[in-house]
C-alpha cells in the first residue's frame, strides 16, 4: 500500500528531532525516531505521519524518502528539495537544522507522536535504536532475508505495524484483534480516498 509522501511533514519531523538534539542530529538516529513516531501514530490513529515508504534494512526499518531528505539526495523532486533546503543541511553522518520547526505542518496528534518518540527513544544512541527496532514484528518478519549477501532491503507493509511485539518490548499498549482490524480498516480507507485523487 503506497500513500502520498507528505514531504513537508517529513522535513519538519526531521527538523523537530534535530532541534530536540540541539540543532544537529545523526541521520541513522533520526530515521529510527521517525519510525517510532510513524509507528505510534499508526497504532493510535490508523495513519502514519509521513506516509513514507518503509524498507526493512540491516539496521532496521527505514523511511526511504526521509532518508533522501536527510541526505539531500538526487532522488528528491525539485519541490521537495527546495522546501527541505530551507530547514535541513546535510553534514556527513549528521544533518543540521537551518530554521525553526514549522509546527503548522502538523496536527496535534502528529506532535503527540513525535513527542512520544523523543521522550521514549530520544536519549538512546543510533545503533542502540537500530537494535531496538529489530525486536518489532514488522522488521523481524524480514530478518532471515538479510542472511543473504544479495538482499540489502525489503519493502515493508504498514499493516504489519499493527502486530504486537513480545511482552516488554513496546512502549505502547498491545492492540486487541478488534483494534487491529479497526486500524487496518482506517488505513485502507485512507488509501482508497487517496487513490481517487491520483
N, C-alpha and C. Protein backbone atom coordinates (compact mmCIF):
# COMPACT_ATOMS: atom_id res chain seq x y z
N UNK A 1 0.84 -1.18 0.00
CA UNK A 1 0.00 0.00 0.00
C UNK A 1 0.88 1.25 0.00
N UNK A 2 0.78 2.05 -1.05
CA UNK A 2 1.55 3.28 -1.13
C UNK A 2 0.65 4.48 -0.88
N UNK A 3 1.06 5.33 0.06
CA UNK A 3 0.37 6.58 0.33
C UNK A 3 1.17 7.72 -0.27
N UNK A 4 0.56 8.88 -0.39
CA UNK A 4 1.26 10.05 -0.94
C UNK A 4 2.22 10.60 0.10
N UNK A 5 3.50 10.60 -0.22
CA UNK A 5 4.53 11.05 0.71
C UNK A 5 4.27 12.50 1.13
N UNK A 6 4.21 12.73 2.43
CA UNK A 6 3.98 14.08 2.97
C UNK A 6 5.33 14.73 3.23
N UNK A 7 5.94 15.28 2.17
CA UNK A 7 7.33 15.72 2.28
C UNK A 7 7.51 16.88 3.24
N UNK A 8 6.51 17.75 3.37
CA UNK A 8 6.63 18.86 4.31
C UNK A 8 6.62 18.34 5.76
N UNK A 9 5.72 17.42 6.06
CA UNK A 9 5.69 16.83 7.39
C UNK A 9 6.98 16.06 7.67
N UNK A 10 7.46 15.34 6.67
CA UNK A 10 8.69 14.56 6.85
C UNK A 10 9.88 15.48 7.12
N UNK A 11 9.96 16.57 6.36
CA UNK A 11 11.03 17.55 6.58
C UNK A 11 10.96 18.11 8.00
N UNK A 12 9.75 18.47 8.41
CA UNK A 12 9.59 19.06 9.73
C UNK A 12 9.80 18.04 10.85
N UNK A 13 9.48 16.76 10.59
CA UNK A 13 9.78 15.72 11.58
C UNK A 13 11.28 15.60 11.80
N UNK A 14 12.04 15.58 10.71
CA UNK A 14 13.50 15.55 10.83
C UNK A 14 14.01 16.80 11.54
N UNK A 15 13.43 17.94 11.20
CA UNK A 15 13.81 19.20 11.83
C UNK A 15 13.46 19.19 13.32
N UNK A 16 12.31 18.65 13.64
CA UNK A 16 11.86 18.53 15.04
C UNK A 16 12.89 17.78 15.87
N UNK A 17 13.36 16.64 15.36
CA UNK A 17 14.31 15.84 16.14
C UNK A 17 15.69 16.51 16.20
N UNK A 18 16.09 17.18 15.13
CA UNK A 18 17.37 17.90 15.18
C UNK A 18 17.33 19.00 16.24
N UNK A 19 16.22 19.71 16.30
CA UNK A 19 16.07 20.77 17.30
C UNK A 19 16.08 20.20 18.71
N UNK A 20 15.44 19.07 18.90
CA UNK A 20 15.45 18.43 20.21
C UNK A 20 16.86 18.04 20.63
N UNK A 21 17.69 17.71 19.64
CA UNK A 21 19.06 17.26 19.90
C UNK A 21 20.03 18.43 19.99
N UNK A 22 19.54 19.66 19.88
CA UNK A 22 20.41 20.83 19.98
C UNK A 22 20.77 21.44 18.64
N UNK A 23 20.14 20.98 17.56
CA UNK A 23 20.37 21.56 16.24
C UNK A 23 21.11 20.66 15.28
N UNK A 24 21.64 19.56 15.77
CA UNK A 24 22.38 18.62 14.91
C UNK A 24 21.99 17.19 15.30
N UNK A 25 21.72 16.36 14.31
CA UNK A 25 21.22 15.00 14.58
C UNK A 25 21.89 13.98 13.67
N UNK A 26 22.25 12.86 14.24
CA UNK A 26 22.75 11.73 13.45
C UNK A 26 21.62 11.20 12.57
N UNK A 27 21.91 10.95 11.28
CA UNK A 27 20.87 10.54 10.34
C UNK A 27 20.24 9.21 10.72
N UNK A 28 21.06 8.24 11.11
CA UNK A 28 20.52 6.93 11.49
C UNK A 28 19.57 7.07 12.68
N UNK A 29 19.99 7.83 13.67
CA UNK A 29 19.14 8.04 14.85
C UNK A 29 17.83 8.71 14.46
N UNK A 30 17.92 9.73 13.61
CA UNK A 30 16.71 10.44 13.19
C UNK A 30 15.73 9.52 12.48
N UNK A 31 16.23 8.65 11.62
CA UNK A 31 15.35 7.74 10.89
C UNK A 31 14.67 6.75 11.82
N UNK A 32 15.37 6.34 12.88
CA UNK A 32 14.73 5.46 13.86
C UNK A 32 13.65 6.22 14.64
N UNK A 33 13.90 7.47 14.98
CA UNK A 33 12.91 8.27 15.69
C UNK A 33 11.68 8.53 14.82
N UNK A 34 11.90 8.79 13.54
CA UNK A 34 10.77 8.95 12.62
C UNK A 34 9.95 7.67 12.58
N UNK A 35 10.63 6.54 12.51
CA UNK A 35 9.93 5.25 12.52
C UNK A 35 9.06 5.10 13.77
N UNK A 36 9.63 5.40 14.95
CA UNK A 36 8.85 5.25 16.17
C UNK A 36 7.68 6.23 16.22
N UNK A 37 7.85 7.42 15.67
CA UNK A 37 6.74 8.38 15.62
C UNK A 37 5.66 7.92 14.65
N UNK A 38 6.05 7.48 13.47
CA UNK A 38 5.08 6.97 12.50
C UNK A 38 4.34 5.76 13.06
N UNK A 39 5.10 4.87 13.69
CA UNK A 39 4.50 3.65 14.26
C UNK A 39 3.50 3.99 15.35
N UNK A 40 3.87 4.93 16.21
CA UNK A 40 2.97 5.37 17.28
C UNK A 40 1.67 5.92 16.69
N UNK A 41 1.79 6.77 15.69
CA UNK A 41 0.59 7.39 15.12
C UNK A 41 -0.28 6.36 14.41
N UNK A 42 0.36 5.44 13.72
CA UNK A 42 -0.38 4.35 13.07
C UNK A 42 -1.18 3.54 14.08
N UNK A 43 -0.55 3.19 15.18
CA UNK A 43 -1.19 2.31 16.16
C UNK A 43 -2.24 3.05 17.00
N UNK A 44 -2.17 4.36 17.03
CA UNK A 44 -3.19 5.13 17.76
C UNK A 44 -4.31 5.64 16.87
N UNK A 45 -3.97 6.02 15.63
CA UNK A 45 -4.93 6.75 14.80
C UNK A 45 -5.14 6.18 13.39
N UNK A 46 -4.45 5.09 13.06
CA UNK A 46 -4.69 4.44 11.78
C UNK A 46 -4.04 5.08 10.59
N UNK A 47 -3.12 6.00 10.80
CA UNK A 47 -2.36 6.60 9.70
C UNK A 47 -0.97 6.99 10.20
N UNK A 48 0.03 6.94 9.32
CA UNK A 48 1.35 7.43 9.70
C UNK A 48 1.40 8.96 9.62
N UNK A 49 2.48 9.55 10.06
CA UNK A 49 2.68 11.00 9.94
C UNK A 49 3.22 11.33 8.56
N UNK A 50 4.24 10.61 8.13
CA UNK A 50 4.97 10.98 6.90
C UNK A 50 4.40 10.35 5.64
N UNK A 51 3.64 9.26 5.78
CA UNK A 51 3.16 8.48 4.61
C UNK A 51 4.32 7.93 3.79
N UNK A 52 5.48 7.78 4.38
CA UNK A 52 6.66 7.34 3.64
C UNK A 52 6.58 5.85 3.33
N UNK A 53 7.41 5.44 2.39
CA UNK A 53 7.55 4.02 2.04
C UNK A 53 8.65 3.44 2.91
N UNK A 54 8.28 2.44 3.73
CA UNK A 54 9.25 1.85 4.64
C UNK A 54 9.94 0.65 4.02
N UNK A 55 11.24 0.58 4.27
CA UNK A 55 12.06 -0.55 3.84
C UNK A 55 12.67 -1.20 5.07
N UNK A 56 12.68 -2.53 5.10
CA UNK A 56 13.45 -3.26 6.10
C UNK A 56 14.88 -3.34 5.60
N UNK A 57 15.81 -2.83 6.41
CA UNK A 57 17.22 -2.87 6.07
C UNK A 57 18.00 -3.44 7.25
N UNK A 58 19.30 -3.61 7.06
CA UNK A 58 20.11 -4.26 8.09
C UNK A 58 19.97 -3.59 9.45
N UNK A 59 19.90 -2.26 9.46
CA UNK A 59 19.82 -1.53 10.72
C UNK A 59 18.39 -1.14 11.08
N UNK A 60 17.42 -1.92 10.59
CA UNK A 60 16.04 -1.71 10.99
C UNK A 60 15.20 -1.04 9.93
N UNK A 61 13.97 -0.66 10.28
CA UNK A 61 13.08 -0.01 9.32
C UNK A 61 13.61 1.37 8.93
N UNK A 62 13.46 1.69 7.65
CA UNK A 62 13.92 2.98 7.13
C UNK A 62 12.80 3.63 6.31
N UNK A 63 12.44 4.84 6.70
CA UNK A 63 11.51 5.65 5.90
C UNK A 63 12.32 6.18 4.71
N UNK A 64 12.12 5.61 3.54
CA UNK A 64 13.06 5.80 2.42
C UNK A 64 13.17 7.23 1.95
N UNK A 65 12.07 7.94 1.84
CA UNK A 65 12.15 9.33 1.37
C UNK A 65 12.65 10.27 2.45
N UNK A 66 12.40 9.93 3.72
CA UNK A 66 13.00 10.70 4.81
C UNK A 66 14.53 10.59 4.76
N UNK A 67 15.01 9.41 4.43
CA UNK A 67 16.45 9.22 4.26
C UNK A 67 16.97 10.13 3.15
N UNK A 68 16.23 10.20 2.04
CA UNK A 68 16.62 11.10 0.95
C UNK A 68 16.64 12.55 1.40
N UNK A 69 15.67 12.95 2.22
CA UNK A 69 15.63 14.33 2.72
C UNK A 69 16.83 14.62 3.61
N UNK A 70 17.14 13.71 4.52
CA UNK A 70 18.27 13.93 5.43
C UNK A 70 19.59 14.02 4.68
N UNK A 71 19.67 13.33 3.53
CA UNK A 71 20.89 13.32 2.73
C UNK A 71 20.86 14.33 1.58
N UNK A 72 19.71 15.00 1.37
CA UNK A 72 19.50 15.87 0.21
C UNK A 72 19.85 15.10 -1.07
N UNK A 73 19.27 13.94 -1.19
CA UNK A 73 19.56 13.02 -2.29
C UNK A 73 19.07 13.57 -3.63
N UNK A 74 19.70 13.11 -4.69
CA UNK A 74 19.29 13.47 -6.05
C UNK A 74 17.96 12.84 -6.43
N UNK A 75 17.49 11.90 -5.61
CA UNK A 75 16.20 11.25 -5.90
C UNK A 75 15.01 12.13 -5.51
N UNK A 76 15.25 13.19 -4.80
CA UNK A 76 14.17 14.09 -4.41
C UNK A 76 13.69 14.90 -5.61
N UNK A 77 12.41 15.26 -5.60
CA UNK A 77 11.88 16.16 -6.61
C UNK A 77 12.30 17.59 -6.32
N UNK A 78 12.12 18.47 -7.29
CA UNK A 78 12.54 19.87 -7.13
C UNK A 78 11.82 20.56 -5.97
N UNK A 79 10.51 20.33 -5.88
CA UNK A 79 9.74 20.96 -4.80
C UNK A 79 10.18 20.44 -3.44
N UNK A 80 10.41 19.12 -3.36
CA UNK A 80 10.86 18.53 -2.10
C UNK A 80 12.22 19.08 -1.69
N UNK A 81 13.13 19.19 -2.66
CA UNK A 81 14.47 19.70 -2.37
C UNK A 81 14.41 21.16 -1.93
N UNK A 82 13.66 21.97 -2.66
CA UNK A 82 13.59 23.40 -2.36
C UNK A 82 13.03 23.63 -0.96
N UNK A 83 12.01 22.87 -0.60
CA UNK A 83 11.43 23.03 0.73
C UNK A 83 12.40 22.54 1.81
N UNK A 84 12.97 21.37 1.61
CA UNK A 84 13.86 20.79 2.62
C UNK A 84 15.08 21.66 2.87
N UNK A 85 15.61 22.27 1.83
CA UNK A 85 16.82 23.10 1.98
C UNK A 85 16.59 24.34 2.84
N UNK A 86 15.35 24.71 3.03
CA UNK A 86 15.04 25.84 3.92
C UNK A 86 15.20 25.45 5.39
N UNK A 87 15.17 24.13 5.66
CA UNK A 87 15.15 23.68 7.06
C UNK A 87 16.28 22.73 7.44
N UNK A 88 16.86 22.02 6.48
CA UNK A 88 17.85 20.99 6.78
C UNK A 88 19.12 21.18 5.95
N UNK A 89 20.26 20.83 6.57
CA UNK A 89 21.53 20.85 5.85
C UNK A 89 22.31 19.58 6.19
N UNK A 90 22.66 18.74 5.18
CA UNK A 90 23.45 17.53 5.48
C UNK A 90 24.84 17.90 5.99
N UNK A 91 25.35 17.06 6.90
CA UNK A 91 26.68 17.31 7.49
C UNK A 91 27.31 15.96 7.81
N UNK A 92 27.83 15.28 6.79
CA UNK A 92 28.44 13.97 6.98
C UNK A 92 27.40 12.95 7.40
N UNK A 93 27.66 12.29 8.53
CA UNK A 93 26.70 11.30 9.05
C UNK A 93 25.52 11.97 9.76
N UNK A 94 25.58 13.29 9.88
CA UNK A 94 24.55 14.05 10.57
C UNK A 94 23.83 14.97 9.58
N UNK A 95 22.88 15.71 10.10
CA UNK A 95 22.31 16.85 9.39
C UNK A 95 22.02 17.91 10.46
N UNK A 96 21.91 19.14 10.03
CA UNK A 96 21.64 20.23 10.97
C UNK A 96 20.32 20.91 10.63
N UNK A 97 19.76 21.56 11.63
CA UNK A 97 18.55 22.35 11.45
C UNK A 97 18.94 23.76 11.02
N UNK A 98 18.27 24.26 9.96
CA UNK A 98 18.58 25.59 9.44
C UNK A 98 17.52 26.62 9.79
N UNK A 99 16.42 26.19 10.39
CA UNK A 99 15.33 27.10 10.75
C UNK A 99 14.45 26.44 11.80
N UNK A 100 13.64 27.25 12.46
CA UNK A 100 12.71 26.73 13.46
C UNK A 100 11.73 25.74 12.82
N UNK A 101 11.23 24.84 13.62
CA UNK A 101 10.22 23.88 13.16
C UNK A 101 8.93 24.61 12.84
N UNK A 102 8.37 24.33 11.67
CA UNK A 102 7.06 24.89 11.30
C UNK A 102 6.00 23.92 11.81
N UNK A 103 5.53 24.16 13.02
CA UNK A 103 4.59 23.24 13.65
C UNK A 103 3.22 23.27 12.98
N UNK A 104 2.96 24.29 12.17
CA UNK A 104 1.68 24.36 11.46
C UNK A 104 1.51 23.22 10.46
N UNK A 105 2.60 22.56 10.09
CA UNK A 105 2.50 21.41 9.18
C UNK A 105 1.90 20.19 9.87
N UNK A 106 1.89 20.19 11.20
CA UNK A 106 1.47 19.01 11.95
C UNK A 106 0.07 19.18 12.55
N UNK A 107 -0.62 18.06 12.70
CA UNK A 107 -1.82 18.03 13.54
C UNK A 107 -1.38 17.88 14.99
N UNK A 108 -2.31 18.05 15.90
CA UNK A 108 -1.99 17.87 17.32
C UNK A 108 -1.57 16.43 17.59
N UNK A 109 -2.20 15.47 16.90
CA UNK A 109 -1.83 14.07 17.12
C UNK A 109 -0.46 13.75 16.53
N UNK A 110 -0.09 14.42 15.42
CA UNK A 110 1.26 14.27 14.88
C UNK A 110 2.30 14.67 15.93
N UNK A 111 2.08 15.84 16.52
CA UNK A 111 3.02 16.36 17.53
C UNK A 111 3.07 15.43 18.75
N UNK A 112 1.93 14.88 19.11
CA UNK A 112 1.87 13.92 20.21
C UNK A 112 2.76 12.71 19.93
N UNK A 113 2.70 12.19 18.71
CA UNK A 113 3.50 11.02 18.34
C UNK A 113 4.98 11.36 18.25
N UNK A 114 5.31 12.53 17.74
CA UNK A 114 6.71 12.96 17.68
C UNK A 114 7.28 13.10 19.10
N UNK A 115 6.51 13.69 20.00
CA UNK A 115 6.95 13.82 21.39
C UNK A 115 7.10 12.45 22.03
N UNK A 116 6.17 11.54 21.72
CA UNK A 116 6.28 10.17 22.24
C UNK A 116 7.61 9.55 21.85
N UNK A 117 7.96 9.66 20.56
CA UNK A 117 9.21 9.06 20.08
C UNK A 117 10.41 9.69 20.78
N UNK A 118 10.39 10.99 20.94
CA UNK A 118 11.52 11.66 21.59
C UNK A 118 11.63 11.27 23.06
N UNK A 119 10.51 11.30 23.76
CA UNK A 119 10.52 11.00 25.20
C UNK A 119 11.02 9.58 25.47
N UNK A 120 10.56 8.63 24.68
CA UNK A 120 10.88 7.22 24.95
C UNK A 120 12.18 6.75 24.32
N UNK A 121 12.61 7.40 23.23
CA UNK A 121 13.77 6.88 22.50
C UNK A 121 14.85 7.93 22.20
N UNK A 122 14.58 9.18 22.49
CA UNK A 122 15.48 10.25 22.06
C UNK A 122 16.83 10.30 22.73
N UNK A 123 16.98 9.69 23.88
CA UNK A 123 18.26 9.74 24.60
C UNK A 123 19.17 8.55 24.27
N UNK A 124 18.72 7.68 23.40
CA UNK A 124 19.50 6.48 23.09
C UNK A 124 20.38 6.70 21.86
N UNK A 125 21.41 5.88 21.75
CA UNK A 125 22.36 6.03 20.65
C UNK A 125 21.78 5.46 19.36
N UNK A 126 22.33 5.87 18.20
CA UNK A 126 21.80 5.38 16.92
C UNK A 126 21.78 3.85 16.81
N UNK A 127 22.87 3.19 17.16
CA UNK A 127 22.92 1.74 16.98
C UNK A 127 22.12 1.00 18.05
N UNK A 128 21.98 1.61 19.22
CA UNK A 128 21.09 1.04 20.23
C UNK A 128 19.65 1.08 19.72
N UNK A 129 19.26 2.18 19.07
CA UNK A 129 17.92 2.28 18.50
C UNK A 129 17.73 1.28 17.36
N UNK A 130 18.76 1.12 16.54
CA UNK A 130 18.67 0.13 15.46
C UNK A 130 18.42 -1.26 16.03
N UNK A 131 19.16 -1.62 17.08
CA UNK A 131 18.96 -2.92 17.73
C UNK A 131 17.54 -3.04 18.29
N UNK A 132 17.04 -1.94 18.85
CA UNK A 132 15.69 -1.95 19.42
C UNK A 132 14.63 -2.23 18.34
N UNK A 133 14.80 -1.63 17.17
CA UNK A 133 13.82 -1.82 16.10
C UNK A 133 13.78 -3.26 15.60
N UNK A 134 14.86 -3.99 15.81
CA UNK A 134 14.92 -5.39 15.38
C UNK A 134 13.98 -6.29 16.19
N UNK A 135 13.46 -5.80 17.30
CA UNK A 135 12.58 -6.59 18.16
C UNK A 135 11.12 -6.55 17.70
N UNK A 136 10.81 -5.66 16.76
CA UNK A 136 9.42 -5.46 16.37
C UNK A 136 9.04 -6.35 15.19
N UNK A 137 7.82 -6.88 15.20
CA UNK A 137 7.44 -7.89 14.20
C UNK A 137 7.47 -7.41 12.76
N UNK A 138 7.22 -6.12 12.52
CA UNK A 138 7.21 -5.63 11.14
C UNK A 138 8.60 -5.70 10.50
N UNK A 139 9.68 -5.62 11.32
CA UNK A 139 11.03 -5.83 10.80
C UNK A 139 11.42 -7.30 10.92
N UNK A 140 11.08 -7.92 12.03
CA UNK A 140 11.53 -9.28 12.32
C UNK A 140 11.07 -10.27 11.26
N UNK A 141 9.90 -10.02 10.65
CA UNK A 141 9.40 -10.95 9.62
C UNK A 141 10.34 -11.01 8.41
N UNK A 142 11.21 -10.02 8.25
CA UNK A 142 12.14 -9.98 7.12
C UNK A 142 13.58 -10.35 7.51
N UNK A 143 13.80 -10.63 8.78
CA UNK A 143 15.15 -10.80 9.30
C UNK A 143 15.96 -11.85 8.53
N UNK A 144 15.34 -12.97 8.20
CA UNK A 144 16.06 -14.06 7.53
C UNK A 144 16.59 -13.64 6.17
N UNK A 145 15.92 -12.66 5.54
CA UNK A 145 16.35 -12.21 4.22
C UNK A 145 17.75 -11.61 4.25
N UNK A 146 18.14 -11.07 5.40
CA UNK A 146 19.43 -10.40 5.48
C UNK A 146 20.58 -11.37 5.74
N UNK A 147 20.27 -12.66 5.80
CA UNK A 147 21.34 -13.66 5.85
C UNK A 147 21.99 -13.81 4.47
N UNK A 148 21.28 -13.37 3.45
CA UNK A 148 21.81 -13.44 2.08
C UNK A 148 22.61 -12.18 1.77
N UNK A 149 23.76 -12.33 1.10
CA UNK A 149 24.55 -11.15 0.73
C UNK A 149 23.90 -10.35 -0.39
N UNK A 150 22.84 -10.89 -0.99
CA UNK A 150 22.21 -10.24 -2.13
C UNK A 150 21.03 -9.36 -1.75
N UNK A 151 20.62 -9.43 -0.48
CA UNK A 151 19.49 -8.64 -0.02
C UNK A 151 19.99 -7.44 0.79
N UNK A 152 19.65 -6.24 0.38
CA UNK A 152 20.01 -5.07 1.18
C UNK A 152 18.78 -4.35 1.72
N UNK A 153 17.62 -4.58 1.09
CA UNK A 153 16.38 -4.01 1.61
C UNK A 153 15.19 -4.82 1.11
N UNK A 154 14.11 -4.75 1.89
CA UNK A 154 12.87 -5.44 1.56
C UNK A 154 11.72 -4.47 1.87
N UNK A 155 10.74 -4.31 0.97
CA UNK A 155 9.61 -3.42 1.27
C UNK A 155 8.83 -3.92 2.49
N UNK A 156 8.40 -2.98 3.32
CA UNK A 156 7.60 -3.29 4.48
C UNK A 156 6.14 -2.87 4.23
N UNK A 157 5.22 -3.50 4.93
CA UNK A 157 3.79 -3.18 4.79
C UNK A 157 3.30 -2.50 6.07
N UNK A 158 2.60 -1.40 5.91
CA UNK A 158 2.07 -0.69 7.07
C UNK A 158 1.15 -1.59 7.91
N UNK A 159 0.44 -2.49 7.27
CA UNK A 159 -0.45 -3.38 8.00
C UNK A 159 0.27 -4.22 9.04
N UNK A 160 1.56 -4.50 8.81
CA UNK A 160 2.33 -5.30 9.76
C UNK A 160 2.65 -4.53 11.05
N UNK A 161 2.57 -3.20 10.99
CA UNK A 161 2.89 -2.38 12.17
C UNK A 161 1.86 -2.57 13.28
N UNK A 162 0.71 -3.14 12.94
CA UNK A 162 -0.34 -3.35 13.94
C UNK A 162 -0.14 -4.62 14.75
N UNK A 163 0.76 -5.49 14.32
CA UNK A 163 1.05 -6.71 15.08
C UNK A 163 1.74 -6.34 16.39
N UNK A 164 1.45 -7.08 17.44
CA UNK A 164 2.04 -6.80 18.75
C UNK A 164 3.39 -7.48 18.90
N UNK A 165 4.39 -6.74 19.38
CA UNK A 165 5.69 -7.37 19.66
C UNK A 165 5.63 -8.18 20.95
N UNK A 166 6.69 -8.89 21.27
CA UNK A 166 6.71 -9.65 22.53
C UNK A 166 6.50 -8.73 23.74
N UNK A 167 5.98 -9.29 24.79
CA UNK A 167 5.73 -8.52 26.01
C UNK A 167 7.01 -7.86 26.51
N UNK A 168 6.90 -6.61 26.93
CA UNK A 168 8.05 -5.89 27.48
C UNK A 168 8.86 -5.14 26.45
N UNK A 169 8.54 -5.27 25.17
CA UNK A 169 9.31 -4.59 24.12
C UNK A 169 8.76 -3.19 23.84
N UNK A 170 7.45 -3.08 23.73
CA UNK A 170 6.83 -1.86 23.23
C UNK A 170 6.54 -0.87 24.35
N UNK A 171 6.68 0.43 24.02
CA UNK A 171 6.29 1.50 24.93
C UNK A 171 4.80 1.82 24.79
N UNK A 172 4.15 1.26 23.77
CA UNK A 172 2.72 1.43 23.56
C UNK A 172 1.99 0.18 24.05
N UNK A 173 0.73 0.33 24.46
CA UNK A 173 -0.02 -0.87 24.88
C UNK A 173 -0.31 -1.78 23.70
N UNK A 174 -0.45 -3.08 23.95
CA UNK A 174 -0.78 -4.00 22.86
C UNK A 174 -2.17 -3.70 22.31
N UNK A 175 -2.37 -4.05 21.04
CA UNK A 175 -3.66 -3.87 20.40
C UNK A 175 -4.43 -5.18 20.41
N UNK A 176 -5.73 -5.11 20.71
CA UNK A 176 -6.58 -6.29 20.65
C UNK A 176 -6.83 -6.63 19.18
N UNK A 177 -7.27 -7.85 18.87
CA UNK A 177 -7.60 -8.19 17.49
C UNK A 177 -8.63 -7.23 16.87
N UNK A 178 -9.62 -6.82 17.67
CA UNK A 178 -10.62 -5.87 17.15
C UNK A 178 -10.00 -4.52 16.84
N UNK A 179 -9.12 -4.06 17.71
CA UNK A 179 -8.44 -2.77 17.47
C UNK A 179 -7.56 -2.86 16.22
N UNK A 180 -6.86 -3.97 16.07
CA UNK A 180 -6.04 -4.15 14.87
C UNK A 180 -6.89 -4.11 13.62
N UNK A 181 -8.02 -4.79 13.64
CA UNK A 181 -8.92 -4.82 12.48
C UNK A 181 -9.45 -3.42 12.17
N UNK A 182 -9.84 -2.66 13.20
CA UNK A 182 -10.35 -1.31 13.01
C UNK A 182 -9.28 -0.39 12.40
N UNK A 183 -8.07 -0.49 12.90
CA UNK A 183 -6.99 0.36 12.40
C UNK A 183 -6.61 -0.01 10.97
N UNK A 184 -6.60 -1.28 10.65
CA UNK A 184 -6.35 -1.70 9.26
C UNK A 184 -7.43 -1.15 8.33
N UNK A 185 -8.66 -1.15 8.81
CA UNK A 185 -9.77 -0.62 8.01
C UNK A 185 -9.59 0.88 7.78
N UNK A 186 -9.19 1.61 8.82
CA UNK A 186 -8.95 3.05 8.68
C UNK A 186 -7.84 3.32 7.65
N UNK A 187 -6.80 2.51 7.72
CA UNK A 187 -5.68 2.66 6.78
C UNK A 187 -6.11 2.37 5.35
N UNK A 188 -6.91 1.34 5.18
CA UNK A 188 -7.44 1.01 3.85
C UNK A 188 -8.32 2.14 3.31
N UNK A 189 -9.14 2.73 4.18
CA UNK A 189 -10.00 3.85 3.76
C UNK A 189 -9.15 5.04 3.32
N UNK A 190 -8.09 5.33 4.06
CA UNK A 190 -7.19 6.41 3.68
C UNK A 190 -6.59 6.15 2.31
N UNK A 191 -6.14 4.93 2.09
CA UNK A 191 -5.55 4.56 0.80
C UNK A 191 -6.58 4.69 -0.32
N UNK A 192 -7.80 4.26 -0.07
CA UNK A 192 -8.86 4.35 -1.07
C UNK A 192 -9.17 5.79 -1.43
N UNK A 193 -9.26 6.65 -0.43
CA UNK A 193 -9.54 8.07 -0.68
C UNK A 193 -8.41 8.71 -1.48
N UNK A 194 -7.17 8.41 -1.09
CA UNK A 194 -6.02 8.97 -1.83
C UNK A 194 -6.02 8.48 -3.28
N UNK A 195 -6.38 7.24 -3.48
CA UNK A 195 -6.36 6.66 -4.84
C UNK A 195 -7.31 7.40 -5.76
N UNK A 196 -8.40 7.93 -5.23
CA UNK A 196 -9.37 8.67 -6.04
C UNK A 196 -8.79 9.97 -6.59
N UNK A 197 -7.79 10.51 -5.90
CA UNK A 197 -7.24 11.82 -6.26
C UNK A 197 -5.94 11.71 -7.06
N UNK A 198 -5.50 10.50 -7.33
CA UNK A 198 -4.24 10.33 -8.07
C UNK A 198 -4.49 10.38 -9.56
